[in-house]
Amino acid sequence: MSEDAVVLLAAEAFPVKALIGVYIRAGDSFTVTGIPDGNYIVYDRIGMDWDVNANKFTRSETSERFEDLLSYETTSDYITTYELTLHKVEGGNAETDDVSDSDMPAI
């Protein structure tokens, strides 16, 4: 059984509130554009049966924070881009830490 994900992006300077929150169904992908320059923390919740009132999955939920910040910079000829994969990838370089509900940013 595949699990869905909610990915949150929070500014390093104000990590208690998500700047962006995206729901991604298992097997799908999503592109976010227009992120302001700055440093961001990526959080994810992965699980099944999203409860919109509780802002969490009701089954098999795990919550993580990516250890490395994402730094965005835009110039006249350059835009920072990242591709994130929310499952272990051979040769991948992203490390994550488990996060409690109280440490997740508000959506």
PDB file of N, CA and C in Angstrom:
ATOM      1  N   MET A   1       0.841  -1.186   0.000  1.00  0.00           N
ATOM      2  CA  MET A   1       0.000   0.000   0.000  1.00  0.00           C
ATOM      3  C   MET A   1       0.882   1.244   0.000  1.00  0.00           C
ATOM      4  N   SER A   2       0.641   2.176  -0.905  1.00  0.00           N
ATOM      5  CA  SER A   2       1.442   3.389  -1.017  1.00  0.00           C
ATOM      6  C   SER A   2       0.927   4.464  -0.081  1.00  0.00           C
ATOM      7  N   GLU A   3       1.846   5.326   0.310  1.00  0.00           N
ATOM      8  CA  GLU A   3       1.500   6.391   1.245  1.00  0.00           C
ATOM      9  C   GLU A   3       1.593   7.747   0.556  1.00  0.00           C
ATOM     10  N   ASP A   4       0.731   8.664   0.981  1.00  0.00           N
ATOM     11  CA  ASP A   4       0.735  10.026   0.490  1.00  0.00           C
ATOM     12  C   ASP A   4       1.665  10.859   1.361  1.00  0.00           C
ATOM     13  N   ALA A   5       1.884  12.114   0.962  1.00  0.00           N
ATOM     14  CA  ALA A   5       2.782  12.986   1.720  1.00  0.00           C
ATOM     15  C   ALA A   5       2.244  14.408   1.752  1.00  0.00           C
ATOM     16  N   VAL A   6       2.572  15.102   2.814  1.00  0.00           N
ATOM     17  CA  VAL A   6       2.391  16.545   2.904  1.00  0.00           C
ATOM     18  C   VAL A   6       3.780  17.110   3.128  1.00  0.00           C
ATOM     19  N   VAL A   7       4.190  18.015   2.245  1.00  0.00           N
ATOM     20  CA  VAL A   7       5.506  18.626   2.340  1.00  0.00           C
ATOM     21  C   VAL A   7       5.317  20.089   2.727  1.00  0.00           C
ATOM     22  N   LEU A   8       6.055  20.501   3.754  1.00  0.00           N
ATOM     23  CA  LEU A   8       5.967  21.876   4.254  1.00  0.00           C
ATOM     24  C   LEU A   8       7.314  22.551   4.098  1.00  0.00           C
ATOM     25  N   LEU A   9       7.293  23.800   3.703  1.00  0.00           N
ATOM     26  CA  LEU A   9       8.496  24.611   3.582  1.00  0.00           C
ATOM     27  C   LEU A   9       8.329  25.793   4.526  1.00  0.00           C
ATOM     28  N   ALA A  10       9.256  25.934   5.468  1.00  0.00           N
ATOM     29  CA  ALA A  10       9.196  27.012   6.457  1.00  0.00           C
ATOM     30  C   ALA A  10      10.487  27.814   6.402  1.00  0.00           C
ATOM     31  N   ALA A  11      10.369  29.121   6.545  1.00  0.00           N
ATOM     32  CA  ALA A  11      11.553  29.980   6.554  1.00  0.00           C
ATOM     33  C   ALA A  11      12.390  29.667   7.783  1.00  0.00           C
ATOM     34  N   GLU A  12      13.702  29.624   7.598  1.00  0.00           N
ATOM     35  CA  GLU A  12      14.605  29.369   8.725  1.00  0.00           C
ATOM     36  C   GLU A  12      14.385  30.395   9.829  1.00  0.00           C
ATOM     37  N   ALA A  13      14.100  31.638   9.455  1.00  0.00           N
ATOM     38  CA  ALA A  13      13.926  32.710  10.430  1.00  0.00           C
ATOM     39  C   ALA A  13      12.598  32.621  11.180  1.00  0.00           C
ATOM     40  N   PHE A  14      11.615  31.880  10.658  1.00  0.00           N
ATOM     41  CA  PHE A  14      10.299  31.763  11.290  1.00  0.00           C
ATOM     42  C   PHE A  14       9.751  30.363  11.044  1.00  0.00           C
ATOM     43  N   PRO A  15      10.356  29.352  11.669  1.00  0.00           N
ATOM     44  CA  PRO A  15      10.003  27.964  11.345  1.00  0.00           C
ATOM     45  C   PRO A  15       8.685  27.458  11.931  1.00  0.00           C
ATOM     46  N   VAL A  16       7.978  28.258  12.721  1.00  0.00           N
ATOM     47  CA  VAL A  16       6.742  27.774  13.344  1.00  0.00           C
ATOM     48  C   VAL A  16       5.544  27.834  12.394  1.00  0.00           C
ATOM     49  N   LYS A  17       5.667  28.520  11.264  1.00  0.00           N
ATOM     50  CA  LYS A  17       4.575  28.645  10.297  1.00  0.00           C
ATOM     51  C   LYS A  17       5.085  28.269   8.910  1.00  0.00           C
ATOM     52  N   ALA A  18       4.394  27.350   8.258  1.00  0.00           N
ATOM     53  CA  ALA A  18       4.793  26.931   6.907  1.00  0.00           C
ATOM     54  C   ALA A  18       4.499  28.035   5.903  1.00  0.00           C
ATOM     55  N   LEU A  19       5.470  28.310   5.065  1.00  0.00           N
ATOM     56  CA  LEU A  19       5.279  29.248   3.964  1.00  0.00           C
ATOM     57  C   LEU A  19       4.468  28.577   2.857  1.00  0.00           C
ATOM     58  N   ILE A  20       4.768  27.300   2.627  1.00  0.00           N
ATOM     59  CA  ILE A  20       4.106  26.518   1.588  1.00  0.00           C
ATOM     60  C   ILE A  20       3.794  25.135   2.148  1.00  0.00           C
ATOM     61  N   GLY A  21       2.635  24.621   1.834  1.00  0.00           N
ATOM     62  CA  GLY A  21       2.263  23.255   2.169  1.00  0.00           C
ATOM     63  C   GLY A  21       1.659  22.588   0.945  1.00  0.00           C
ATOM     64  N   VAL A  22       2.143  21.404   0.593  1.00  0.00           N
ATOM     65  CA  VAL A  22       1.693  20.710  -0.613  1.00  0.00           C
ATOM     66  C   VAL A  22       1.321  19.275  -0.258  1.00  0.00           C
ATOM     67  N   TYR A  23       0.126  18.852  -0.672  1.00  0.00           N
ATOM     68  CA  TYR A  23      -0.305  17.458  -0.520  1.00  0.00           C
ATOM     69  C   TYR A  23       0.064  16.721  -1.794  1.00  0.00           C
ATOM     70  N   ILE A  24       0.780  15.616  -1.662  1.00  0.00           N
ATOM     71  CA  ILE A  24       1.223  14.855  -2.826  1.00  0.00           C
ATOM     72  C   ILE A  24       0.754  13.411  -2.683  1.00  0.00           C
ATOM     73  N   ARG A  25      -0.056  12.967  -3.614  1.00  0.00           N
ATOM     74  CA  ARG A  25      -0.538  11.581  -3.603  1.00  0.00           C
ATOM     75  C   ARG A  25       0.596  10.632  -3.983  1.00  0.00           C
ATOM     76  N   ALA A  26       0.527   9.430  -3.449  1.00  0.00           N
ATOM     77  CA  ALA A  26       1.537   8.407  -3.744  1.00  0.00           C
ATOM     78  C   ALA A  26       1.722   8.271  -5.248  1.00  0.00           C
ATOM     79  N   GLY A  27       2.986   8.289  -5.689  1.00  0.00           N
ATOM     80  CA  GLY A  27       3.307   8.126  -7.089  1.00  0.00           C
ATOM     81  C   GLY A  27       3.273   9.410  -7.902  1.00  0.00           C
ATOM     82  N   ASP A  28       2.747  10.506  -7.333  1.00  0.00           N
ATOM     83  CA  ASP A  28       2.686  11.776  -8.045  1.00  0.00           C
ATOM     84  C   ASP A  28       3.910  12.627  -7.734  1.00  0.00           C
ATOM     85  N   SER A  29       4.024  13.722  -8.442  1.00  0.00           N
ATOM     86  CA  SER A  29       5.066  14.708  -8.165  1.00  0.00           C
ATOM     87  C   SER A  29       4.423  16.082  -8.212  1.00  0.00           C
ATOM     88  N   PHE A  30       5.154  17.071  -7.749  1.00  0.00           N
ATOM     89  CA  PHE A  30       4.620  18.424  -7.695  1.00  0.00           C
ATOM     90  C   PHE A  30       5.769  19.408  -7.837  1.00  0.00           C
ATOM     91  N   THR A  31       5.542  20.487  -8.559  1.00  0.00           N
ATOM     92  CA  THR A  31       6.552  21.526  -8.727  1.00  0.00           C
ATOM     93  C   THR A  31       6.062  22.799  -8.071  1.00  0.00           C
ATOM     94  N   VAL A  32       6.913  23.409  -7.260  1.00  0.00           N
ATOM     95  CA  VAL A  32       6.621  24.688  -6.611  1.00  0.00           C
ATOM     96  C   VAL A  32       7.523  25.737  -7.242  1.00  0.00           C
ATOM     97  N   THR A  33       6.953  26.866  -7.614  1.00  0.00           N
ATOM     98  CA  THR A  33       7.728  27.960  -8.186  1.00  0.00           C
ATOM     99  C   THR A  33       7.477  29.228  -7.391  1.00  0.00           C
ATOM    100  N   GLY A  34       8.296  30.223  -7.620  1.00  0.00           N
ATOM    101  CA  GLY A  34       8.088  31.526  -6.994  1.00  0.00           C
ATOM    102  C   GLY A  34       8.481  31.606  -5.532  1.00  0.00           C
ATOM    103  N   ILE A  35       9.379  30.757  -5.096  1.00  0.00           N
ATOM    104  CA  ILE A  35       9.821  30.788  -3.702  1.00  0.00           C
ATOM    105  C   ILE A  35      10.751  31.987  -3.522  1.00  0.00           C
ATOM    106  N   PRO A  36      10.468  32.854  -2.554  1.00  0.00           N
ATOM    107  CA  PRO A  36      11.329  34.022  -2.333  1.00  0.00           C
ATOM    108  C   PRO A  36      12.742  33.604  -1.918  1.00  0.00           C
ATOM    109  N   ASP A  37      13.714  34.436  -2.227  1.00  0.00           N
ATOM    110  CA  ASP A  37      15.089  34.171  -1.805  1.00  0.00           C
ATOM    111  C   ASP A  37      15.136  34.007  -0.293  1.00  0.00           C
ATOM    112  N   GLY A  38      15.978  33.089   0.164  1.00  0.00           N
ATOM    113  CA  GLY A  38      16.125  32.860   1.599  1.00  0.00           C
ATOM    114  C   GLY A  38      16.484  31.419   1.886  1.00  0.00           C
ATOM    115  N   ASN A  39      16.581  31.119   3.178  1.00  0.00           N
ATOM    116  CA  ASN A  39      16.894  29.769   3.653  1.00  0.00           C
ATOM    117  C   ASN A  39      15.640  29.133   4.225  1.00  0.00           C
ATOM    118  N   TYR A  40      15.410  27.874   3.856  1.00  0.00           N
ATOM    119  CA  TYR A  40      14.169  27.199   4.231  1.00  0.00           C
ATOM    120  C   TYR A  40      14.438  25.822   4.818  1.00  0.00           C
ATOM    121  N   ILE A  41      13.528  25.412   5.688  1.00  0.00           N
ATOM    122  CA  ILE A  41      13.535  24.085   6.290  1.00  0.00           C
ATOM    123  C   ILE A  41      12.415  23.287   5.628  1.00  0.00           C
ATOM    124  N   VAL A  42      12.712  22.052   5.242  1.00  0.00           N
ATOM    125  CA  VAL A  42      11.704  21.172   4.638  1.00  0.00           C
ATOM    126  C   VAL A  42      11.264  20.147   5.672  1.00  0.00           C
ATOM    127  N   TYR A  43       9.958  20.045   5.848  1.00  0.00           N
ATOM    128  CA  TYR A  43       9.337  19.047   6.718  1.00  0.00           C
ATOM    129  C   TYR A  43       8.431  18.181   5.861  1.00  0.00           C
ATOM    130  N   ASP A  44       8.230  16.932   6.260  1.00  0.00           N
ATOM    131  CA  ASP A  44       7.234  16.119   5.572  1.00  0.00           C
ATOM    132  C   ASP A  44       6.495  15.245   6.564  1.00  0.00           C
ATOM    133  N   ARG A  45       5.259  14.973   6.206  1.00  0.00           N
ATOM    134  CA  ARG A  45       4.424  13.985   6.899  1.00  0.00           C
ATOM    135  C   ARG A  45       4.073  12.964   5.836  1.00  0.00           C
ATOM    136  N   ILE A  46       4.302  11.699   6.145  1.00  0.00           N
ATOM    137  CA  ILE A  46       3.993  10.633   5.196  1.00  0.00           C
ATOM    138  C   ILE A  46       3.065   9.654   5.894  1.00  0.00           C
ATOM    139  N   GLY A  47       2.017   9.234   5.197  1.00  0.00           N
ATOM    140  CA  GLY A  47       1.081   8.299   5.803  1.00  0.00           C
ATOM    141  C   GLY A  47      -0.122   8.044   4.914  1.00  0.00           C
ATOM    142  N   MET A  48      -1.207   7.583   5.552  1.00  0.00           N
ATOM    143  CA  MET A  48      -2.442   7.262   4.834  1.00  0.00           C
ATOM    144  C   MET A  48      -3.621   7.911   5.545  1.00  0.00           C
ATOM    145  N   ASP A  49      -4.654   8.220   4.770  1.00  0.00           N
ATOM    146  CA  ASP A  49      -5.915   8.758   5.283  1.00  0.00           C
ATOM    147  C   ASP A  49      -5.723  10.109   5.977  1.00  0.00           C
ATOM    148  N   TRP A  50      -5.517  11.141   5.188  1.00  0.00           N
ATOM    149  CA  TRP A  50      -5.327  12.500   5.693  1.00  0.00           C
ATOM    150  C   TRP A  50      -6.601  13.013   6.350  1.00  0.00           C
ATOM    151  N   ASP A  51      -6.469  13.537   7.556  1.00  0.00           N
ATOM    152  CA  ASP A  51      -7.580  14.152   8.292  1.00  0.00           C
ATOM    153  C   ASP A  51      -7.404  15.665   8.190  1.00  0.00           C
ATOM    154  N   VAL A  52      -8.237  16.301   7.368  1.00  0.00           N
ATOM    155  CA  VAL A  52      -8.092  17.738   7.115  1.00  0.00           C
ATOM    156  C   VAL A  52      -8.321  18.567   8.380  1.00  0.00           C
ATOM    157  N   ASN A  53      -9.149  18.100   9.289  1.00  0.00           N
ATOM    158  CA  ASN A  53      -9.420  18.850  10.521  1.00  0.00           C
ATOM    159  C   ASN A  53      -8.242  18.793  11.496  1.00  0.00           C
ATOM    160  N   ALA A  54      -7.566  17.655  11.540  1.00  0.00           N
ATOM    161  CA  ALA A  54      -6.437  17.484  12.459  1.00  0.00           C
ATOM    162  C   ALA A  54      -5.099  17.833  11.800  1.00  0.00           C
ATOM    163  N   ASN A  55      -5.099  18.042  10.478  1.00  0.00           N
ATOM    164  CA  ASN A  55      -3.872  18.299   9.720  1.00  0.00           C
ATOM    165  C   ASN A  55      -2.819  17.209   9.932  1.00  0.00           C
ATOM    166  N   LYS A  56      -3.275  15.970   9.848  1.00  0.00           N
ATOM    167  CA  LYS A  56      -2.350  14.842   9.961  1.00  0.00           C
ATOM    168  C   LYS A  56      -2.984  13.597   9.367  1.00  0.00           C
ATOM    169  N   PHE A  57      -2.136  12.599   9.113  1.00  0.00           N
ATOM    170  CA  PHE A  57      -2.633  11.314   8.631  1.00  0.00           C
ATOM    171  C   PHE A  57      -3.133  10.511   9.822  1.00  0.00           C
ATOM    172  N   THR A  58      -4.149   9.702   9.586  1.00  0.00           N
ATOM    173  CA  THR A  58      -4.699   8.899  10.677  1.00  0.00           C
ATOM    174  C   THR A  58      -4.058   7.516  10.765  1.00  0.00           C
ATOM    175  N   ARG A  59      -3.317   7.111   9.705  1.00  0.00           N
ATOM    176  CA  ARG A  59      -2.669   5.798   9.731  1.00  0.00           C
ATOM    177  C   ARG A  59      -1.239   5.902   9.210  1.00  0.00           C
ATOM    178  N   SER A  60      -0.362   5.176   9.849  1.00  0.00           N
ATOM    179  CA  SER A  60       1.033   4.999   9.418  1.00  0.00           C
ATOM    180  C   SER A  60       1.786   6.311   9.217  1.00  0.00           C
ATOM    181  N   GLU A  61       1.501   7.305  10.039  1.00  0.00           N
ATOM    182  CA  GLU A  61       2.148   8.602   9.843  1.00  0.00           C
ATOM    183  C   GLU A  61       3.564   8.636  10.410  1.00  0.00           C
ATOM    184  N   THR A  62       4.469   9.208   9.625  1.00  0.00           N
ATOM    185  CA  THR A  62       5.804   9.561  10.096  1.00  0.00           C
ATOM    186  C   THR A  62       6.016  11.027   9.744  1.00  0.00           C
ATOM    187  N   SER A  63       6.727  11.726  10.594  1.00  0.00           N
ATOM    188  CA  SER A  63       7.017  13.146  10.361  1.00  0.00           C
ATOM    189  C   SER A  63       8.513  13.346  10.450  1.00  0.00           C
ATOM    190  N   GLU A  64       9.062  14.070   9.474  1.00  0.00           N
ATOM    191  CA  GLU A  64      10.505  14.258   9.402  1.00  0.00           C
ATOM    192  C   GLU A  64      10.839  15.697   9.042  1.00  0.00           C
ATOM    193  N   ARG A  65      12.090  16.027   9.316  1.00  0.00           N
ATOM    194  CA  ARG A  65      12.662  17.310   8.923  1.00  0.00           C
ATOM    195  C   ARG A  65      13.969  17.001   8.192  1.00  0.00           C
ATOM    196  N   PHE A  66      14.177  17.620   7.044  1.00  0.00           N
ATOM    197  CA  PHE A  66      15.440  17.470   6.338  1.00  0.00           C
ATOM    198  C   PHE A  66      16.523  18.204   7.126  1.00  0.00           C
ATOM    199  N   GLU A  67      17.678  17.572   7.304  1.00  0.00           N
ATOM    200  CA  GLU A  67      18.760  18.175   8.086  1.00  0.00           C
ATOM    201  C   GLU A  67      19.333  19.414   7.416  1.00  0.00           C
ATOM    202  N   ASP A  68      19.490  19.388   6.108  1.00  0.00           N
ATOM    203  CA  ASP A  68      20.087  20.518   5.394  1.00  0.00           C
ATOM    204  C   ASP A  68      19.021  21.536   5.007  1.00  0.00           C
ATOM    205  N   LEU A  69      19.391  22.805   5.101  1.00  0.00           N
ATOM    206  CA  LEU A  69      18.513  23.878   4.651  1.00  0.00           C
ATOM    207  C   LEU A  69      18.520  23.936   3.128  1.00  0.00           C
ATOM    208  N   LEU A  70      17.431  24.431   2.558  1.00  0.00           N
ATOM    209  CA  LEU A  70      17.399  24.759   1.140  1.00  0.00           C
ATOM    210  C   LEU A  70      17.606  26.259   1.036  1.00  0.00           C
ATOM    211  N   SER A  71      18.625  26.667   0.310  1.00  0.00           N
ATOM    212  CA  SER A  71      18.930  28.090   0.127  1.00  0.00           C
ATOM    213  C   SER A  71      18.536  28.502  -1.278  1.00  0.00           C
ATOM    214  N   TYR A  72      17.611  29.456  -1.374  1.00  0.00           N
ATOM    215  CA  TYR A  72      17.151  29.938  -2.668  1.00  0.00           C
ATOM    216  C   TYR A  72      17.744  31.308  -2.953  1.00  0.00           C
ATOM    217  N   GLU A  73      18.203  31.463  -4.205  1.00  0.00           N
ATOM    218  CA  GLU A  73      18.722  32.743  -4.662  1.00  0.00           C
ATOM    219  C   GLU A  73      18.313  32.920  -6.123  1.00  0.00           C
ATOM    220  N   THR A  74      17.813  34.084  -6.427  1.00  0.00           N
ATOM    221  CA  THR A  74      17.397  34.394  -7.782  1.00  0.00           C
ATOM    222  C   THR A  74      18.168  35.617  -8.257  1.00  0.00           C
ATOM    223  N   THR A  75      18.739  35.507  -9.441  1.00  0.00           N
ATOM    224  CA  THR A  75      19.387  36.650 -10.076  1.00  0.00           C
ATOM    225  C   THR A  75      18.793  36.796 -11.471  1.00  0.00           C
ATOM    226  N   SER A  76      19.298  37.732 -12.246  1.00  0.00           N
ATOM    227  CA  SER A  76      18.764  37.941 -13.588  1.00  0.00           C
ATOM    228  C   SER A  76      18.998  36.742 -14.508  1.00  0.00           C
ATOM    229  N   ASP A  77      19.991  35.916 -14.185  1.00  0.00           N
ATOM    230  CA  ASP A  77      20.268  34.767 -15.049  1.00  0.00           C
ATOM    231  C   ASP A  77      20.369  33.441 -14.296  1.00  0.00           C
ATOM    232  N   TYR A  78      19.878  33.400 -13.055  1.00  0.00           N
ATOM    233  CA  TYR A  78      20.000  32.165 -12.266  1.00  0.00           C
ATOM    234  C   TYR A  78      18.826  32.033 -11.304  1.00  0.00           C
ATOM    235  N   ILE A  79      18.287  30.835 -11.226  1.00  0.00           N
ATOM    236  CA  ILE A  79      17.239  30.500 -10.253  1.00  0.00           C
ATOM    237  C   ILE A  79      17.645  29.196  -9.586  1.00  0.00           C
ATOM    238  N   THR A  80      17.670  29.193  -8.274  1.00  0.00           N
ATOM    239  CA  THR A  80      18.003  27.971  -7.541  1.00  0.00           C
ATOM    240  C   THR A  80      16.881  26.954  -7.710  1.00  0.00           C
ATOM    241  N   THR A  81      17.240  25.696  -7.970  1.00  0.00           N
ATOM    242  CA  THR A  81      16.245  24.629  -8.062  1.00  0.00           C
ATOM    243  C   THR A  81      16.706  23.428  -7.241  1.00  0.00           C
ATOM    244  N   TYR A  82      15.737  22.698  -6.719  1.00  0.00           N
ATOM    245  CA  TYR A  82      15.991  21.467  -5.979  1.00  0.00           C
ATOM    246  C   TYR A  82      14.997  20.420  -6.438  1.00  0.00           C
ATOM    247  N   GLU A  83      15.394  19.170  -6.354  1.00  0.00           N
ATOM    248  CA  GLU A  83      14.477  18.056  -6.550  1.00  0.00           C
ATOM    249  C   GLU A  83      14.554  17.196  -5.303  1.00  0.00           C
ATOM    250  N   LEU A  84      13.415  17.040  -4.627  1.00  0.00           N
ATOM    251  CA  LEU A  84      13.364  16.254  -3.402  1.00  0.00           C
ATOM    252  C   LEU A  84      12.651  14.940  -3.666  1.00  0.00           C
ATOM    253  N   THR A  85      13.165  13.884  -3.100  1.00  0.00           N
ATOM    254  CA  THR A  85      12.520  12.581  -3.141  1.00  0.00           C
ATOM    255  C   THR A  85      12.208  12.193  -1.707  1.00  0.00           C
ATOM    256  N   LEU A  86      10.986  11.758  -1.461  1.00  0.00           N
ATOM    257  CA  LEU A  86      10.538  11.505  -0.097  1.00  0.00           C
ATOM    258  C   LEU A  86      10.673  10.058   0.334  1.00  0.00           C
ATOM    259  N   HIS A  87      11.499   9.309  -0.368  1.00  0.00           N
ATOM    260  CA  HIS A  87      11.820   7.948   0.033  1.00  0.00           C
ATOM    261  C   HIS A  87      13.309   7.744  -0.179  1.00  0.00           C
ATOM    262  N   LYS A  88      13.853   6.742   0.445  1.00  0.00           N
ATOM    263  CA  LYS A  88      15.287   6.469   0.327  1.00  0.00           C
ATOM    264  C   LYS A  88      15.647   6.178  -1.127  1.00  0.00           C
ATOM    265  N   VAL A  89      16.725   6.808  -1.586  1.00  0.00           N
ATOM    266  CA  VAL A  89      17.207   6.635  -2.948  1.00  0.00           C
ATOM    267  C   VAL A  89      18.673   6.225  -2.879  1.00  0.00           C
ATOM    268  N   GLU A  90      19.019   5.154  -3.583  1.00  0.00           N
ATOM    269  CA  GLU A  90      20.417   4.727  -3.614  1.00  0.00           C
ATOM    270  C   GLU A  90      21.273   5.862  -4.168  1.00  0.00           C
ATOM    271  N   GLY A  91      22.300   6.234  -3.431  1.00  0.00           N
ATOM    272  CA  GLY A  91      23.158   7.338  -3.838  1.00  0.00           C
ATOM    273  C   GLY A  91      22.625   8.696  -3.428  1.00  0.00           C
ATOM    274  N   GLY A  92      21.461   8.727  -2.756  1.00  0.00           N
ATOM    275  CA  GLY A  92      20.892   9.997  -2.307  1.00  0.00           C
ATOM    276  C   GLY A  92      21.729  10.598  -1.190  1.00  0.00           C
ATOM    277  N   ASN A  93      21.592  11.896  -0.995  1.00  0.00           N
ATOM    278  CA  ASN A  93      22.427  12.561  -0.007  1.00  0.00           C
ATOM    279  C   ASN A  93      21.649  13.331   1.051  1.00  0.00           C
ATOM    280  N   ALA A  94      20.348  13.199   1.097  1.00  0.00           N
ATOM    281  CA  ALA A  94      19.542  13.932   2.079  1.00  0.00           C
ATOM    282  C   ALA A  94      19.353  13.103   3.346  1.00  0.00           C
ATOM    283  N   GLU A  95      19.685  13.703   4.460  1.00  0.00           N
ATOM    284  CA  GLU A  95      19.449  13.072   5.758  1.00  0.00           C
ATOM    285  C   GLU A  95      18.246  13.744   6.414  1.00  0.00           C
ATOM    286  N   THR A  96      17.470  12.968   7.160  1.00  0.00           N
ATOM    287  CA  THR A  96      16.304  13.513   7.850  1.00  0.00           C
ATOM    288  C   THR A  96      16.329  13.113   9.317  1.00  0.00           C
ATOM    289  N   ASP A  97      15.612  13.874  10.118  1.00  0.00           N
ATOM    290  CA  ASP A  97      15.410  13.573  11.522  1.00  0.00           C
ATOM    291  C   ASP A  97      13.926  13.445  11.778  1.00  0.00           C
ATOM    292  N   ASP A  98      13.544  12.517  12.659  1.00  0.00           N
ATOM    293  CA  ASP A  98      12.147  12.415  13.061  1.00  0.00           C
ATOM    294  C   ASP A  98      11.751  13.683  13.814  1.00  0.00           C
ATOM    295  N   VAL A  99      10.490  14.091  13.645  1.00  0.00           N
ATOM    296  CA  VAL A  99       9.994  15.303  14.266  1.00  0.00           C
ATOM    297  C   VAL A  99       8.675  14.981  14.969  1.00  0.00           C
ATOM    298  N   SER A 100       8.498  15.518  16.166  1.00  0.00           N
ATOM    299  CA  SER A 100       7.228  15.338  16.889  1.00  0.00           C
ATOM    300  C   SER A 100       6.186  16.313  16.338  1.00  0.00           C
ATOM    301  N   ASP A 101       4.927  16.048  16.623  1.00  0.00           N
ATOM    302  CA  ASP A 101       3.844  16.933  16.174  1.00  0.00           C
ATOM    303  C   ASP A 101       4.077  18.361  16.645  1.00  0.00           C
ATOM    304  N   SER A 102       4.560  18.529  17.854  1.00  0.00           N
ATOM    305  CA  SER A 102       4.751  19.875  18.408  1.00  0.00           C
ATOM    306  C   SER A 102       5.862  20.644  17.706  1.00  0.00           C
ATOM    307  N   ASP A 103       6.754  19.957  17.006  1.00  0.00           N
ATOM    308  CA  ASP A 103       7.839  20.613  16.290  1.00  0.00           C
ATOM    309  C   ASP A 103       7.559  20.852  14.814  1.00  0.00           C
ATOM    310  N   MET A 104       6.396  20.410  14.350  1.00  0.00           N
ATOM    311  CA  MET A 104       6.011  20.657  12.951  1.00  0.00           C
ATOM    312  C   MET A 104       5.466  22.076  12.844  1.00  0.00           C
ATOM    313  N   PRO A 105       5.768  22.771  11.742  1.00  0.00           N
ATOM    314  CA  PRO A 105       5.209  24.109  11.577  1.00  0.00           C
ATOM    315  C   PRO A 105       3.710  24.050  11.315  1.00  0.00           C
ATOM    316  N   ALA A 106       3.006  25.110  11.685  1.00  0.00           N
ATOM    317  CA  ALA A 106       1.574  25.205  11.434  1.00  0.00           C
ATOM    318  C   ALA A 106       1.342  25.339   9.940  1.00  0.00           C
ATOM    319  N   ILE A 107       0.253  24.747   9.480  1.00  0.00           N
ATOM    320  CA  ILE A 107      -0.098  24.831   8.050  1.00  0.00           C
ATOM    321  C   ILE A 107      -0.969  26.050   7.829  1.00  0.00           C
TER     322      ILE A 107
END
